[in-house]
Amino acid sequence: MLVLDKAKELAEAIAASEELAAMREAEALIEQDQEALDILQEFRRVQQDIFSKQQQGIELSDEDKQLVEEIEEKMSRNESIQRYIAAQERLERLLQSVNFIISQAFNPPADCESCSPGCNGCH
């Protein structure tokens, strides 16, 4: 089927993209950076604790908020984590663009009379 063939081509193009390669490289760097791993482990633990409190309707204390700020500061100072976040954002933008293009086939702009499922964008 043509649609599935095109989907496979898209998947292969994404797999070969610079964005995904940068993401994988950043992940590998984090795996080799014990400080980054420790910060991320602490971040996940605090994130789970805060989520649990919120689910229980418990208001976050000033101490909780301070802890989050401290972890965010540690994350911002760690080069491996910053590189990972930047790579993740680039990949996310690529995937959002792909989703937008696909959605245009179903929802062409209201002021576009020539759009069809094969339209490459008229604006």
Protein backbone atom coordinates (compact mmCIF):
# COMPACT_ATOMS: atom_id res chain seq x y z
CA MET A 1 0.00 0.00 0.00
CA LEU A 2 1.34 3.40 -0.99
CA VAL A 3 0.52 5.10 2.33
CA LEU A 4 2.39 2.49 4.35
CA ASP A 5 5.33 2.66 1.95
CA LYS A 6 5.49 6.43 2.43
CA ALA A 7 5.21 5.99 6.21
CA LYS A 8 8.15 3.60 6.09
CA GLU A 9 10.15 6.12 4.03
CA LEU A 10 9.31 8.82 6.57
CA ALA A 11 10.41 6.59 9.45
CA GLU A 12 13.66 5.85 7.66
CA ALA A 13 14.25 9.54 6.97
CA ILE A 14 13.67 10.40 10.63
CA ALA A 15 15.95 7.55 11.71
CA ALA A 16 18.67 8.97 9.42
CA SER A 17 18.10 12.60 10.46
CA GLU A 18 20.73 14.81 12.04
CA GLU A 19 18.26 15.55 14.83
CA LEU A 20 17.97 11.91 15.89
CA ALA A 21 21.72 11.36 15.52
CA ALA A 22 22.37 14.36 17.80
CA MET A 23 19.86 13.02 20.30
CA ARG A 24 21.52 9.62 20.39
CA GLU A 25 24.96 11.20 20.74
CA ALA A 26 23.72 13.34 23.62
CA GLU A 27 22.21 10.27 25.31
CA ALA A 28 25.53 8.46 25.01
CA LEU A 29 27.35 11.42 26.57
CA ILE A 30 24.98 11.41 29.52
CA GLU A 31 25.55 7.69 30.02
CA GLN A 32 29.27 8.45 30.40
CA ASP A 33 28.76 11.42 32.75
CA GLN A 34 28.21 10.18 36.30
CA GLU A 35 27.40 13.66 37.57
CA ALA A 36 24.67 14.02 34.93
CA LEU A 37 23.27 10.59 35.81
CA ASP A 38 23.17 11.51 39.50
CA ILE A 39 21.43 14.82 38.78
CA LEU A 40 18.86 13.13 36.56
CA GLN A 41 18.22 10.43 39.14
CA GLU A 42 17.66 13.10 41.79
CA PHE A 43 15.41 15.02 39.39
CA ARG A 44 13.26 11.94 38.71
CA ARG A 45 12.97 11.17 42.41
CA VAL A 46 11.88 14.72 43.27
CA GLN A 47 9.57 14.83 40.25
CA GLN A 48 7.83 11.63 41.39
CA ASP A 49 7.54 12.97 44.94
CA ILE A 50 5.99 16.22 43.74
CA PHE A 51 3.63 14.40 41.39
CA SER A 52 2.53 12.17 44.25
CA LYS A 53 1.88 15.17 46.49
CA GLN A 54 -0.10 16.89 43.76
CA GLN A 55 -2.18 13.76 43.18
CA GLN A 56 -2.98 13.70 46.89
CA GLY A 57 -3.92 17.37 46.84
CA ILE A 58 -0.97 18.33 49.04
CA GLU A 59 0.32 21.82 48.43
CA LEU A 60 4.01 22.07 47.66
CA SER A 61 6.05 23.51 50.49
CA ASP A 62 8.63 26.24 50.07
CA GLU A 63 11.21 23.52 50.72
CA ASP A 64 9.85 21.47 47.80
CA LYS A 65 9.98 24.50 45.53
CA GLN A 66 13.51 25.32 46.65
CA LEU A 67 14.61 21.73 45.96
CA VAL A 68 13.21 21.92 42.44
CA GLU A 69 15.05 25.19 41.83
CA GLU A 70 18.30 23.69 43.08
CA ILE A 71 17.98 20.67 40.80
CA GLU A 72 17.10 22.87 37.83
CA GLU A 73 20.20 24.95 38.58
CA LYS A 74 22.36 21.80 38.68
CA MET A 75 20.86 20.70 35.38
CA SER A 76 21.54 24.06 33.78
CA ARG A 77 25.20 23.89 34.81
CA ASN A 78 25.77 20.38 33.46
CA GLU A 79 26.95 20.48 29.84
CA SER A 80 25.85 16.91 29.06
CA ILE A 81 22.32 17.58 30.26
CA GLN A 82 22.12 20.88 28.39
CA ARG A 83 23.31 19.22 25.21
CA TYR A 84 20.69 16.49 25.67
CA ILE A 85 17.91 19.01 26.26
CA ALA A 86 18.91 20.99 23.15
CA ALA A 87 19.03 17.83 21.02
CA GLN A 88 15.69 16.71 22.42
CA GLU A 89 14.13 20.07 21.55
CA ARG A 90 15.46 19.92 17.96
CA LEU A 91 14.06 16.42 17.50
CA GLU A 92 10.75 17.50 19.02
CA ARG A 93 10.53 20.44 16.57
CA LEU A 94 11.18 18.07 13.66
CA LEU A 95 8.46 15.69 14.80
CA GLN A 96 6.03 18.56 15.38
CA SER A 97 6.71 19.80 11.85
CA VAL A 98 6.06 16.33 10.45
CA ASN A 99 2.81 16.10 12.41
CA PHE A 100 1.76 19.55 11.20
CA ILE A 101 2.38 18.63 7.57
CA ILE A 102 0.39 15.41 7.96
CA SER A 103 -2.47 17.20 9.72
CA GLN A 104 -2.69 19.71 6.85
CA ALA A 105 -3.86 16.86 4.60
CA PHE A 106 -6.92 16.51 6.83
CA ASN A 107 -7.42 20.15 7.75
CA PRO A 108 -6.32 22.50 4.98
CA PRO A 109 -6.34 26.20 5.85
CA ALA A 110 -9.84 27.69 5.54
CA ASP A 111 -8.69 30.33 3.06
CA CYS A 112 -7.02 27.81 0.76
CA GLU A 113 -9.19 26.70 -2.14
CA SER A 114 -6.62 24.54 -3.89
CA CYS A 115 -5.49 22.34 -1.01
CA SER A 116 -5.90 18.66 -1.51
CA PRO A 117 -4.47 15.66 0.36
CA GLY A 118 -1.36 15.93 -1.83
CA CYS A 119 -0.89 19.65 -1.25
CA ASN A 120 2.58 20.71 -0.21
CA GLY A 121 1.31 23.91 1.32
CA CYS A 122 0.11 26.91 -0.57
CA HIS A 123 1.09 29.54 1.99
